[in-house]
Amino acid sequence: MKKFLSCTIILILLFCVKVNGQDYTFSNHNIVPFSLNPALAGNANAIRIATNYRQQWMNLGNRYHTARISYDQNFYKQMCSLGFAYTYDNMSNGIFQTNEFALVYSHNIRLSDGYFIRLGIQGSLFLNYFGYGNLIFEDQYDPNSGSINPTTLESFENDNRIIGDFSAGIAFVMENKLTIGFSANHLSEPDNGFIDKNRNKIYRKYVAHINYVYDFKHQSGLYKKRDLSSTYLFINANYQHQYNFNAAYLGAGVAFKPLILGIAYKSNFIDSNIASAMVGVHYKGLQLFYICDFNVSTEGNGTWAHELSLIYVIKPKRKDLCPVVYW
C-alpha cells in the first residue's frame, strides 16, 4: 500500500510540475551559459566550455537530476557567435526524461565605444521519454492481499515525443559593466502531451534579466581593457513568466581572487521561497562553482538542492573591441 501511494504521489507531482513549471531550472542561470537568453551566447569573447549539474528533492527518495553541457565561441572579429548545449533532465528515477539539443546564434552590434546590442536566436530539438512502466496504477493493487500485479490496463498514446522549438532574445551591453536583456522562449508553443495530444503544450516563457558589475580597480567601465580585474562586485536579477508560473531571482556577490562568493533569493510568489549560497574559485581560465539551495518557505518540506558548475574559458590571443560581461 505504501509503495502504491508513493507512486501515485510521484505521478501527480510529475504532471503538476510539467504543466505549471514546464522547464528545467538552475539556481543561478548566470553561471549556466546563455540559458536565460540566446543573445548571451559568445559573451565571454572566447571559447567557453561549461558543465552544470543540479540535484534536488533528495528527501523525497526520488531525486530530480538536471545536467547540461555547453560550448560557445565568437568569430568574424567577434561580431558573430555560435553555441551548442545539451541538457538532460531526469525526474523520479527516470519516469520522465527530457533531452534537449540546442543550437544558438547571436550577433553583436556595436553602437559606440563600450556600448553594444546583442541579438540571438535558438533552435531546439527535444527528445522526451515517459517511463510509465516504472509506475504502479490502481488496477495493479490487490486490496485483499496487498500484493502488486505486474500488469495494468492503463495505456498511453505515446511514451516518446520528438519536439522542435525556437527561442529569441536581445540584450543591451555596457562593456564589463551592465547587461540588460529580454528573451522569449518556446515561440512555437509545441505540444508535449503523452496521454493526449494538444492537451499539454509548452507555454511561451518570457524572461527579463539584468546584471551589473562594479570593478573596484577599474571604475571607468574598463574602456580598452578586455578583462575584469581580480576584485569586483556583481548584482544580478531576473524575472520569468510562463503561463500561470512566475519566478523572481535576486543575487549578489563579490570576487577577490581566487574566490567568488554570492548569495541569492528566489520566489514564485506562492509557496516556494529559496535562499542560495554560492562559493566559487577561479584560476586562469578555469572556474568551479558550488551552490546550495535552502527551502525557506513556511510550508516547505526542508528539501535542499545542490549544484556544481565547471567552466573553462580559452581566451584568444587577439583582443578586439567587444562586450565582455562576466556571467
C-alpha atoms as a PDB file:
ATOM      1  CA  MET A   1       0.000   0.000   0.000  1.00  0.00           C
ATOM      2  CA  LYS A   2       2.814   2.371   0.917  1.00  0.00           C
ATOM      3  CA  LYS A   3       4.530   1.722  -2.401  1.00  0.00           C
ATOM      4  CA  PHE A   4       1.289   2.338  -4.290  1.00  0.00           C
ATOM      5  CA  LEU A   5       0.691   5.647  -2.516  1.00  0.00           C
ATOM      6  CA  SER A   6       4.274   6.745  -3.176  1.00  0.00           C
ATOM      7  CA  CYS A   7       3.973   6.072  -6.891  1.00  0.00           C
ATOM      8  CA  THR A   8       0.591   7.834  -7.024  1.00  0.00           C
ATOM      9  CA  ILE A   9       2.089  10.928  -5.404  1.00  0.00           C
ATOM     10  CA  ILE A  10       5.021  10.829  -7.818  1.00  0.00           C
ATOM     11  CA  LEU A  11       2.649  10.642 -10.795  1.00  0.00           C
ATOM     12  CA  ILE A  12       0.645  13.627  -9.523  1.00  0.00           C
ATOM     13  CA  LEU A  13       3.801  15.641  -8.911  1.00  0.00           C
ATOM     14  CA  LEU A  14       5.110  14.688 -12.314  1.00  0.00           C
ATOM     15  CA  PHE A  15       2.146  16.099 -14.198  1.00  0.00           C
ATOM     16  CA  CYS A  16       1.794  19.140 -11.935  1.00  0.00           C
ATOM     17  CA  VAL A  17       5.416  20.108 -12.464  1.00  0.00           C
ATOM     18  CA  LYS A  18       5.223  19.679 -16.203  1.00  0.00           C
ATOM     19  CA  VAL A  19       2.001  21.654 -16.526  1.00  0.00           C
ATOM     20  CA  ASN A  20       2.964  24.513 -14.240  1.00  0.00           C
ATOM     21  CA  GLY A  21       6.761  24.651 -14.292  1.00  0.00           C
ATOM     22  CA  GLN A  22       7.364  23.334 -17.807  1.00  0.00           C
ATOM     23  CA  ASP A  23      11.121  23.949 -17.918  1.00  0.00           C
ATOM     24  CA  TYR A  24      14.160  22.739 -16.063  1.00  0.00           C
ATOM     25  CA  THR A  25      15.797  25.314 -13.854  1.00  0.00           C
ATOM     26  CA  PHE A  26      19.073  26.193 -12.169  1.00  0.00           C
ATOM     27  CA  SER A  27      19.605  28.297  -9.058  1.00  0.00           C
ATOM     28  CA  ASN A  28      21.940  30.735 -10.765  1.00  0.00           C
ATOM     29  CA  HIS A  29      21.477  30.916 -14.523  1.00  0.00           C
ATOM     30  CA  ASN A  30      24.312  33.422 -14.681  1.00  0.00           C
ATOM     31  CA  ILE A  31      26.824  30.587 -14.476  1.00  0.00           C
ATOM     32  CA  VAL A  32      24.859  28.455 -16.955  1.00  0.00           C
ATOM     33  CA  PRO A  33      25.949  29.977 -20.301  1.00  0.00           C
ATOM     34  CA  PHE A  34      23.177  31.505 -22.461  1.00  0.00           C
ATOM     35  CA  SER A  35      20.464  29.563 -20.589  1.00  0.00           C
ATOM     36  CA  LEU A  36      18.382  32.688 -19.934  1.00  0.00           C
ATOM     37  CA  ASN A  37      18.866  34.379 -23.284  1.00  0.00           C
ATOM     38  CA  PRO A  38      20.329  33.115 -26.593  1.00  0.00           C
ATOM     39  CA  ALA A  39      21.696  36.620 -27.179  1.00  0.00           C
ATOM     40  CA  LEU A  40      24.283  35.920 -24.457  1.00  0.00           C
ATOM     41  CA  ALA A  41      25.995  33.176 -26.447  1.00  0.00           C
ATOM     42  CA  GLY A  42      29.572  34.257 -27.066  1.00  0.00           C
ATOM     43  CA  ASN A  43      29.530  36.962 -24.399  1.00  0.00           C
ATOM     44  CA  ALA A  44      32.741  35.585 -22.885  1.00  0.00           C
ATOM     45  CA  ASN A  45      34.541  36.659 -26.091  1.00  0.00           C
ATOM     46  CA  ALA A  46      36.406  33.378 -26.006  1.00  0.00           C
ATOM     47  CA  ILE A  47      35.956  29.661 -26.398  1.00  0.00           C
ATOM     48  CA  ARG A  48      33.829  28.626 -23.428  1.00  0.00           C
ATOM     49  CA  ILE A  49      33.106  25.053 -22.373  1.00  0.00           C
ATOM     50  CA  ALA A  50      30.765  24.505 -19.433  1.00  0.00           C
ATOM     51  CA  THR A  51      29.171  21.674 -17.495  1.00  0.00           C
ATOM     52  CA  ASN A  52      26.365  22.238 -14.989  1.00  0.00           C
ATOM     53  CA  TYR A  53      24.731  19.687 -12.716  1.00  0.00           C
ATOM     54  CA  ARG A  54      21.792  20.064 -10.320  1.00  0.00           C
ATOM     55  CA  GLN A  55      20.260  17.560  -7.893  1.00  0.00           C
ATOM     56  CA  GLN A  56      17.122  18.233  -5.867  1.00  0.00           C
ATOM     57  CA  TRP A  57      14.271  16.550  -3.968  1.00  0.00           C
ATOM     58  CA  MET A  58      16.761  14.329  -2.102  1.00  0.00           C
ATOM     59  CA  ASN A  59      14.407  13.921   0.893  1.00  0.00           C
ATOM     60  CA  LEU A  60      11.626  12.504  -1.274  1.00  0.00           C
ATOM     61  CA  GLY A  61      13.553   9.381  -2.263  1.00  0.00           C
ATOM     62  CA  ASN A  62      13.059  10.106  -5.973  1.00  0.00           C
ATOM     63  CA  ARG A  63      15.745  12.583  -6.834  1.00  0.00           C
ATOM     64  CA  TYR A  64      15.484  15.054  -9.658  1.00  0.00           C
ATOM     65  CA  HIS A  65      18.638  15.419 -11.745  1.00  0.00           C
ATOM     66  CA  THR A  66      19.467  18.039 -14.356  1.00  0.00           C
ATOM     67  CA  ALA A  67      22.734  18.071 -16.287  1.00  0.00           C
ATOM     68  CA  ARG A  68      23.870  20.442 -19.024  1.00  0.00           C
ATOM     69  CA  ILE A  69      26.952  20.742 -21.193  1.00  0.00           C
ATOM     70  CA  SER A  70      27.553  23.692 -23.497  1.00  0.00           C
ATOM     71  CA  TYR A  71      30.064  25.165 -25.892  1.00  0.00           C
ATOM     72  CA  ASP A  72      30.122  28.654 -27.371  1.00  0.00           C
ATOM     73  CA  GLN A  73      32.577  30.950 -29.103  1.00  0.00           C
ATOM     74  CA  ASN A  74      32.617  34.002 -31.350  1.00  0.00           C
ATOM     75  CA  PHE A  75      34.202  34.553 -34.736  1.00  0.00           C
ATOM     76  CA  TYR A  76      34.486  37.067 -37.577  1.00  0.00           C
ATOM     77  CA  LYS A  77      36.043  39.844 -35.481  1.00  0.00           C
ATOM     78  CA  GLN A  78      33.852  38.700 -32.572  1.00  0.00           C
ATOM     79  CA  MET A  79      30.691  40.043 -34.197  1.00  0.00           C
ATOM     80  CA  CYS A  80      29.112  36.593 -34.589  1.00  0.00           C
ATOM     81  CA  SER A  81      28.800  33.778 -32.067  1.00  0.00           C
ATOM     82  CA  LEU A  82      27.721  30.154 -32.179  1.00  0.00           C
ATOM     83  CA  GLY A  83      26.725  27.967 -29.269  1.00  0.00           C
ATOM     84  CA  PHE A  84      25.571  24.430 -28.611  1.00  0.00           C
ATOM     85  CA  ALA A  85      24.001  22.973 -25.479  1.00  0.00           C
ATOM     86  CA  TYR A  86      22.745  19.558 -24.446  1.00  0.00           C
ATOM     87  CA  THR A  87      20.505  19.274 -21.393  1.00  0.00           C
ATOM     88  CA  TYR A  88      19.376  16.070 -19.696  1.00  0.00           C
ATOM     89  CA  ASP A  89      16.500  16.256 -17.222  1.00  0.00           C
ATOM     90  CA  ASN A  90      15.606  13.155 -15.192  1.00  0.00           C
ATOM     91  CA  MET A  91      12.614  13.209 -12.867  1.00  0.00           C
ATOM     92  CA  SER A  92      11.615  10.493 -10.371  1.00  0.00           C
ATOM     93  CA  ASN A  93      14.280   7.933 -11.201  1.00  0.00           C
ATOM     94  CA  GLY A  94      13.706   8.009 -14.937  1.00  0.00           C
ATOM     95  CA  ILE A  95       9.905   8.131 -15.042  1.00  0.00           C
ATOM     96  CA  PHE A  96      10.131  11.302 -17.101  1.00  0.00           C
ATOM     97  CA  GLN A  97      13.265  12.147 -19.088  1.00  0.00           C
ATOM     98  CA  THR A  98      13.947  15.143 -21.292  1.00  0.00           C
ATOM     99  CA  ASN A  99      16.826  15.506 -23.732  1.00  0.00           C
ATOM    100  CA  GLU A 100      17.268  18.940 -25.285  1.00  0.00           C
ATOM    101  CA  PHE A 101      19.710  19.697 -28.099  1.00  0.00           C
ATOM    102  CA  ALA A 102      20.029  23.435 -28.717  1.00  0.00           C
ATOM    103  CA  LEU A 103      21.902  25.354 -31.414  1.00  0.00           C
ATOM    104  CA  VAL A 104      22.336  29.096 -30.849  1.00  0.00           C
ATOM    105  CA  TYR A 105      23.461  32.012 -32.997  1.00  0.00           C
ATOM    106  CA  SER A 106      23.995  35.540 -31.680  1.00  0.00           C
ATOM    107  CA  HIS A 107      25.066  38.722 -33.419  1.00  0.00           C
ATOM    108  CA  ASN A 108      26.869  41.646 -31.822  1.00  0.00           C
ATOM    109  CA  ILE A 109      26.105  45.205 -32.997  1.00  0.00           C
ATOM    110  CA  ARG A 110      28.467  47.951 -31.848  1.00  0.00           C
ATOM    111  CA  LEU A 111      26.636  51.196 -31.061  1.00  0.00           C
ATOM    112  CA  SER A 112      29.644  53.195 -29.854  1.00  0.00           C
ATOM    113  CA  ASP A 113      32.734  52.674 -27.742  1.00  0.00           C
ATOM    114  CA  GLY A 114      31.766  50.263 -24.986  1.00  0.00           C
ATOM    115  CA  TYR A 115      28.057  50.041 -25.929  1.00  0.00           C
ATOM    116  CA  PHE A 116      26.555  47.104 -27.812  1.00  0.00           C
ATOM    117  CA  ILE A 117      23.318  45.375 -28.785  1.00  0.00           C
ATOM    118  CA  ARG A 118      23.294  41.585 -28.933  1.00  0.00           C
ATOM    119  CA  LEU A 119      20.640  39.629 -30.850  1.00  0.00           C
ATOM    120  CA  GLY A 120      20.211  35.880 -30.512  1.00  0.00           C
ATOM    121  CA  ILE A 121      18.120  33.017 -31.826  1.00  0.00           C
ATOM    122  CA  GLN A 122      17.962  29.408 -30.693  1.00  0.00           C
ATOM    123  CA  GLY A 123      16.615  26.257 -32.290  1.00  0.00           C
ATOM    124  CA  SER A 124      15.982  23.262 -30.034  1.00  0.00           C
ATOM    125  CA  LEU A 125      15.129  19.609 -30.511  1.00  0.00           C
ATOM    126  CA  PHE A 126      13.513  17.814 -27.560  1.00  0.00           C
ATOM    127  CA  LEU A 127      13.539  14.038 -27.184  1.00  0.00           C
ATOM    128  CA  ASN A 128      11.200  13.226 -24.293  1.00  0.00           C
ATOM    129  CA  TYR A 129      10.535   9.847 -22.716  1.00  0.00           C
ATOM    130  CA  PHE A 130       7.785   8.803 -20.301  1.00  0.00           C
ATOM    131  CA  GLY A 131       8.624   5.555 -18.483  1.00  0.00           C
ATOM    132  CA  TYR A 132       5.136   4.686 -17.275  1.00  0.00           C
ATOM    133  CA  GLY A 133       6.304   1.069 -16.891  1.00  0.00           C
ATOM    134  CA  ASN A 134       8.015   2.197 -13.686  1.00  0.00           C
ATOM    135  CA  LEU A 135       4.705   3.340 -12.168  1.00  0.00           C
ATOM    136  CA  ILE A 136       2.111   1.331 -10.247  1.00  0.00           C
ATOM    137  CA  PHE A 137      -1.532   2.076 -11.112  1.00  0.00           C
ATOM    138  CA  GLU A 138      -4.717   1.478  -9.142  1.00  0.00           C
ATOM    139  CA  ASP A 139      -5.736  -1.668 -11.043  1.00  0.00           C
ATOM    140  CA  GLN A 140      -2.424  -3.321 -10.129  1.00  0.00           C
ATOM    141  CA  TYR A 141      -3.076  -3.125  -6.392  1.00  0.00           C
ATOM    142  CA  ASP A 142      -4.906  -6.018  -4.710  1.00  0.00           C
ATOM    143  CA  PRO A 143      -6.534  -4.603  -1.534  1.00  0.00           C
ATOM    144  CA  ASN A 144      -7.206  -8.101  -0.148  1.00  0.00           C
ATOM    145  CA  SER A 145      -3.674  -9.460  -0.262  1.00  0.00           C
ATOM    146  CA  GLY A 146      -1.812  -6.162  -0.513  1.00  0.00           C
ATOM    147  CA  SER A 147       0.165  -7.523  -3.462  1.00  0.00           C
ATOM    148  CA  ILE A 148       1.001  -5.697  -6.678  1.00  0.00           C
ATOM    149  CA  ASN A 149       0.098  -7.239 -10.044  1.00  0.00           C
ATOM    150  CA  PRO A 150       2.757  -6.832 -12.746  1.00  0.00           C
ATOM    151  CA  THR A 151       0.284  -5.828 -15.490  1.00  0.00           C
ATOM    152  CA  THR A 152      -2.077  -2.890 -15.908  1.00  0.00           C
ATOM    153  CA  LEU A 153      -4.895  -1.886 -18.236  1.00  0.00           C
ATOM    154  CA  GLU A 154      -3.619   1.689 -18.318  1.00  0.00           C
ATOM    155  CA  SER A 155      -2.130   2.783 -21.630  1.00  0.00           C
ATOM    156  CA  PHE A 156      -0.734   5.955 -23.155  1.00  0.00           C
ATOM    157  CA  GLU A 157      -0.770   7.220 -26.708  1.00  0.00           C
ATOM    158  CA  ASN A 158       2.937   7.973 -26.635  1.00  0.00           C
ATOM    159  CA  ASP A 159       5.887   7.128 -24.450  1.00  0.00           C
ATOM    160  CA  ASN A 160       8.290   9.096 -26.626  1.00  0.00           C
ATOM    161  CA  ARG A 161       7.969  12.568 -28.071  1.00  0.00           C
ATOM    162  CA  ILE A 162      10.176  14.481 -30.528  1.00  0.00           C
ATOM    163  CA  ILE A 163       9.570  18.238 -30.439  1.00  0.00           C
ATOM    164  CA  GLY A 164      11.055  21.182 -32.319  1.00  0.00           C
ATOM    165  CA  ASP A 165      11.165  24.601 -30.698  1.00  0.00           C
ATOM    166  CA  PHE A 166      12.548  28.134 -31.106  1.00  0.00           C
ATOM    167  CA  SER A 167      13.618  30.995 -28.846  1.00  0.00           C
ATOM    168  CA  ALA A 168      14.912  34.526 -29.409  1.00  0.00           C
ATOM    169  CA  GLY A 169      16.428  37.276 -27.314  1.00  0.00           C
ATOM    170  CA  ILE A 170      18.009  40.712 -27.207  1.00  0.00           C
ATOM    171  CA  ALA A 171      20.466  42.325 -24.789  1.00  0.00           C
ATOM    172  CA  PHE A 172      21.939  45.774 -24.283  1.00  0.00           C
ATOM    173  CA  VAL A 173      25.524  45.731 -23.011  1.00  0.00           C
ATOM    174  CA  MET A 174      27.792  48.305 -21.436  1.00  0.00           C
ATOM    175  CA  GLU A 175      31.201  46.720 -21.677  1.00  0.00           C
ATOM    176  CA  ASN A 176      32.181  44.892 -18.482  1.00  0.00           C
ATOM    177  CA  LYS A 177      29.583  46.814 -16.510  1.00  0.00           C
ATOM    178  CA  LEU A 178      25.921  46.304 -17.322  1.00  0.00           C
ATOM    179  CA  THR A 179      23.767  43.843 -19.246  1.00  0.00           C
ATOM    180  CA  ILE A 180      20.001  44.212 -19.642  1.00  0.00           C
ATOM    181  CA  GLY A 181      18.166  41.621 -21.691  1.00  0.00           C
ATOM    182  CA  PHE A 182      14.859  40.077 -22.663  1.00  0.00           C
ATOM    183  CA  SER A 183      14.076  36.712 -24.227  1.00  0.00           C
ATOM    184  CA  ALA A 184      11.017  34.837 -25.457  1.00  0.00           C
ATOM    185  CA  ASN A 185      11.228  31.056 -25.267  1.00  0.00           C
ATOM    186  CA  HIS A 186       9.078  28.295 -26.789  1.00  0.00           C
ATOM    187  CA  LEU A 187       7.858  30.614 -29.520  1.00  0.00           C
ATOM    188  CA  SER A 188       6.067  27.765 -31.300  1.00  0.00           C
ATOM    189  CA  GLU A 189       4.439  26.532 -28.044  1.00  0.00           C
ATOM    190  CA  PRO A 190       4.856  22.856 -29.020  1.00  0.00           C
ATOM    191  CA  ASP A 191       2.732  20.049 -27.590  1.00  0.00           C
ATOM    192  CA  ASN A 192       4.393  17.792 -25.029  1.00  0.00           C
ATOM    193  CA  GLY A 193       1.498  15.507 -24.082  1.00  0.00           C
ATOM    194  CA  PHE A 194       1.901  11.780 -23.544  1.00  0.00           C
ATOM    195  CA  ILE A 195      -1.696  10.965 -22.613  1.00  0.00           C
ATOM    196  CA  ASP A 196      -3.494  13.041 -25.231  1.00  0.00           C
ATOM    197  CA  LYS A 197      -2.045  15.353 -27.845  1.00  0.00           C
ATOM    198  CA  ASN A 198      -2.825  19.064 -27.762  1.00  0.00           C
ATOM    199  CA  ARG A 199      -3.525  18.947 -24.023  1.00  0.00           C
ATOM    200  CA  ASN A 200      -0.101  19.730 -22.610  1.00  0.00           C
ATOM    201  CA  LYS A 201       1.589  22.317 -24.747  1.00  0.00           C
ATOM    202  CA  ILE A 202       4.748  24.023 -23.530  1.00  0.00           C
ATOM    203  CA  TYR A 203       3.649  27.587 -22.962  1.00  0.00           C
ATOM    204  CA  ARG A 204       5.706  30.536 -24.096  1.00  0.00           C
ATOM    205  CA  LYS A 205       8.130  31.777 -21.455  1.00  0.00           C
ATOM    206  CA  TYR A 206       9.311  35.368 -21.124  1.00  0.00           C
ATOM    207  CA  VAL A 207      12.476  36.309 -19.270  1.00  0.00           C
ATOM    208  CA  ALA A 208      13.781  39.742 -18.281  1.00  0.00           C
ATOM    209  CA  HIS A 209      17.232  39.936 -16.729  1.00  0.00           C
ATOM    210  CA  ILE A 210      19.828  42.447 -15.575  1.00  0.00           C
ATOM    211  CA  ASN A 211      23.437  42.068 -14.480  1.00  0.00           C
ATOM    212  CA  TYR A 212      25.645  44.795 -13.003  1.00  0.00           C
ATOM    213  CA  VAL A 213      29.376  44.564 -12.312  1.00  0.00           C
ATOM    214  CA  TYR A 214      31.387  47.084 -10.296  1.00  0.00           C
ATOM    215  CA  ASP A 215      35.131  46.665 -10.731  1.00  0.00           C
ATOM    216  CA  PHE A 216      36.963  48.111  -7.743  1.00  0.00           C
ATOM    217  CA  LYS A 217      40.214  48.583  -9.658  1.00  0.00           C
ATOM    218  CA  HIS A 218      38.784  49.918 -12.934  1.00  0.00           C
ATOM    219  CA  GLN A 219      35.805  52.115 -12.136  1.00  0.00           C
ATOM    220  CA  SER A 220      35.785  53.834 -15.529  1.00  0.00           C
ATOM    221  CA  GLY A 221      33.987  50.934 -17.239  1.00  0.00           C
ATOM    222  CA  LEU A 222      37.153  49.170 -18.374  1.00  0.00           C
ATOM    223  CA  TYR A 223      37.427  51.040 -21.646  1.00  0.00           C
ATOM    224  CA  LYS A 224      40.105  49.395 -23.784  1.00  0.00           C
ATOM    225  CA  LYS A 225      40.511  46.650 -21.194  1.00  0.00           C
ATOM    226  CA  ARG A 226      39.081  43.262 -22.157  1.00  0.00           C
ATOM    227  CA  ASP A 227      39.002  41.566 -18.759  1.00  0.00           C
ATOM    228  CA  LEU A 228      37.803  42.314 -15.274  1.00  0.00           C
ATOM    229  CA  SER A 229      40.335  42.767 -12.514  1.00  0.00           C
ATOM    230  CA  SER A 230      40.598  40.241  -9.697  1.00  0.00           C
ATOM    231  CA  THR A 231      38.317  42.234  -7.355  1.00  0.00           C
ATOM    232  CA  TYR A 232      34.745  43.219  -8.242  1.00  0.00           C
ATOM    233  CA  LEU A 233      31.155  43.256  -7.034  1.00  0.00           C
ATOM    234  CA  PHE A 234      28.243  41.800  -9.015  1.00  0.00           C
ATOM    235  CA  ILE A 235      24.468  42.090  -8.709  1.00  0.00           C
ATOM    236  CA  ASN A 236      22.046  40.191 -10.931  1.00  0.00           C
ATOM    237  CA  ALA A 237      18.302  39.693 -11.139  1.00  0.00           C
ATOM    238  CA  ASN A 238      15.776  38.063 -13.435  1.00  0.00           C
ATOM    239  CA  TYR A 239      12.032  37.611 -13.717  1.00  0.00           C
ATOM    240  CA  GLN A 240      10.416  34.675 -15.531  1.00  0.00           C
ATOM    241  CA  HIS A 241       6.793  34.330 -16.610  1.00  0.00           C
ATOM    242  CA  GLN A 242       5.313  31.196 -18.173  1.00  0.00           C
ATOM    243  CA  TYR A 243       1.518  30.774 -18.301  1.00  0.00           C
ATOM    244  CA  ASN A 244       0.493  30.807 -14.617  1.00  0.00           C
ATOM    245  CA  PHE A 245       4.037  30.366 -13.334  1.00  0.00           C
ATOM    246  CA  ASN A 246       6.112  33.346 -12.185  1.00  0.00           C
ATOM    247  CA  ALA A 247       9.511  33.482 -10.522  1.00  0.00           C
ATOM    248  CA  ALA A 248      11.830  36.270  -9.441  1.00  0.00           C
ATOM    249  CA  TYR A 249      15.524  35.952  -8.644  1.00  0.00           C
ATOM    250  CA  LEU A 250      17.896  38.397  -6.961  1.00  0.00           C
ATOM    251  CA  GLY A 251      21.549  37.673  -6.280  1.00  0.00           C
ATOM    252  CA  ALA A 252      24.726  39.484  -5.293  1.00  0.00           C
ATOM    253  CA  GLY A 253      28.313  38.623  -4.561  1.00  0.00           C
ATOM    254  CA  VAL A 254      31.930  39.626  -4.577  1.00  0.00           C
ATOM    255  CA  ALA A 255      35.070  38.282  -6.213  1.00  0.00           C
ATOM    256  CA  PHE A 256      38.530  38.572  -4.759  1.00  0.00           C
ATOM    257  CA  LYS A 257      40.990  36.303  -6.493  1.00  0.00           C
ATOM    258  CA  PRO A 258      40.771  33.359  -6.436  1.00  0.00           C
ATOM    259  CA  LEU A 259      37.427  33.232  -4.557  1.00  0.00           C
ATOM    260  CA  ILE A 260      33.925  34.183  -5.678  1.00  0.00           C
ATOM    261  CA  LEU A 261      31.186  34.306  -3.029  1.00  0.00           C
ATOM    262  CA  GLY A 262      27.497  35.007  -3.531  1.00  0.00           C
ATOM    263  CA  ILE A 263      24.025  34.811  -2.014  1.00  0.00           C
ATOM    264  CA  ALA A 264      20.622  34.828  -3.714  1.00  0.00           C
ATOM    265  CA  TYR A 265      16.889  34.632  -3.108  1.00  0.00           C
ATOM    266  CA  LYS A 266      14.271  33.162  -5.445  1.00  0.00           C
ATOM    267  CA  SER A 267      10.485  33.119  -5.100  1.00  0.00           C
ATOM    268  CA  ASN A 268       7.459  32.076  -7.151  1.00  0.00           C
ATOM    269  CA  PHE A 269       5.218  34.372  -5.028  1.00  0.00           C
ATOM    270  CA  ILE A 270       3.042  31.448  -3.884  1.00  0.00           C
ATOM    271  CA  ASP A 271       4.615  28.572  -1.994  1.00  0.00           C
ATOM    272  CA  SER A 272       8.276  28.388  -2.954  1.00  0.00           C
ATOM    273  CA  ASN A 273      10.955  30.588  -1.439  1.00  0.00           C
ATOM    274  CA  ILE A 274      14.563  29.569  -1.902  1.00  0.00           C
ATOM    275  CA  ALA A 275      17.716  31.054  -0.410  1.00  0.00           C
ATOM    276  CA  SER A 276      21.019  30.130  -2.042  1.00  0.00           C
ATOM    277  CA  ALA A 277      24.669  30.319  -1.101  1.00  0.00           C
ATOM    278  CA  MET A 278      27.428  30.122  -3.703  1.00  0.00           C
ATOM    279  CA  VAL A 279      31.169  29.625  -3.438  1.00  0.00           C
ATOM    280  CA  GLY A 280      33.468  29.557  -6.439  1.00  0.00           C
ATOM    281  CA  VAL A 281      37.135  29.541  -7.303  1.00  0.00           C
ATOM    282  CA  HIS A 282      38.828  30.610 -10.494  1.00  0.00           C
ATOM    283  CA  TYR A 283      42.341  30.042 -11.715  1.00  0.00           C
ATOM    284  CA  LYS A 284      43.316  31.442 -15.096  1.00  0.00           C
ATOM    285  CA  GLY A 285      40.598  30.146 -17.435  1.00  0.00           C
ATOM    286  CA  LEU A 286      39.148  27.544 -15.072  1.00  0.00           C
ATOM    287  CA  GLN A 287      36.102  28.313 -12.889  1.00  0.00           C
ATOM    288  CA  LEU A 288      34.463  25.966 -10.377  1.00  0.00           C
ATOM    289  CA  PHE A 289      31.225  26.774  -8.517  1.00  0.00           C
ATOM    290  CA  TYR A 290      29.126  25.090  -5.842  1.00  0.00           C
ATOM    291  CA  ILE A 291      25.620  26.283  -4.940  1.00  0.00           C
ATOM    292  CA  CYS A 292      23.348  25.049  -2.173  1.00  0.00           C
ATOM    293  CA  ASP A 293      19.624  25.868  -2.079  1.00  0.00           C
ATOM    294  CA  PHE A 294      17.704  26.105   1.185  1.00  0.00           C
ATOM    295  CA  ASN A 295      13.910  25.940   1.191  1.00  0.00           C
ATOM    296  CA  VAL A 296      12.805  28.762   3.494  1.00  0.00           C
ATOM    297  CA  SER A 297       9.070  28.521   2.753  1.00  0.00           C
ATOM    298  CA  THR A 298       6.788  28.251   5.778  1.00  0.00           C
ATOM    299  CA  GLU A 299       5.143  25.200   4.197  1.00  0.00           C
ATOM    300  CA  GLY A 300       8.342  23.778   2.752  1.00  0.00           C
ATOM    301  CA  ASN A 301       9.478  20.202   3.290  1.00  0.00           C
ATOM    302  CA  GLY A 302      13.055  21.146   4.089  1.00  0.00           C
ATOM    303  CA  THR A 303      14.485  19.693   0.912  1.00  0.00           C
ATOM    304  CA  TRP A 304      17.792  21.002  -0.320  1.00  0.00           C
ATOM    305  CA  ALA A 305      19.279  21.235  -3.780  1.00  0.00           C
ATOM    306  CA  HIS A 306      22.905  21.143  -4.841  1.00  0.00           C
ATOM    307  CA  GLU A 307      24.576  22.455  -7.977  1.00  0.00           C
ATOM    308  CA  LEU A 308      28.062  22.046  -9.386  1.00  0.00           C
ATOM    309  CA  SER A 309      29.370  24.051 -12.338  1.00  0.00           C
ATOM    310  CA  LEU A 310      32.687  23.788 -14.134  1.00  0.00           C
ATOM    311  CA  ILE A 311      33.560  26.376 -16.778  1.00  0.00           C
ATOM    312  CA  TYR A 312      36.706  26.578 -18.876  1.00  0.00           C
ATOM    313  CA  VAL A 313      37.406  29.728 -20.884  1.00  0.00           C
ATOM    314  CA  ILE A 314      40.115  29.823 -23.547  1.00  0.00           C
ATOM    315  CA  LYS A 315      40.942  33.447 -24.264  1.00  0.00           C
ATOM    316  CA  PRO A 316      42.120  34.373 -27.783  1.00  0.00           C
ATOM    317  CA  LYS A 317      45.497  35.994 -28.297  1.00  0.00           C
ATOM    318  CA  ARG A 318      43.925  38.733 -30.395  1.00  0.00           C
ATOM    319  CA  LYS A 319      41.670  41.136 -28.467  1.00  0.00           C
ATOM    320  CA  ASP A 320      39.174  43.282 -30.341  1.00  0.00           C
ATOM    321  CA  LEU A 321      36.628  45.754 -29.046  1.00  0.00           C
ATOM    322  CA  CYS A 322      33.568  43.841 -27.933  1.00  0.00           C
ATOM    323  CA  PRO A 323      31.411  43.453 -24.815  1.00  0.00           C
ATOM    324  CA  VAL A 324      32.821  41.357 -22.016  1.00  0.00           C
ATOM    325  CA  VAL A 325      30.422  40.789 -19.152  1.00  0.00           C
ATOM    326  CA  TYR A 326      31.290  38.203 -16.546  1.00  0.00           C
ATOM    327  CA  TRP A 327      28.422  35.716 -16.274  1.00  0.00           C
END
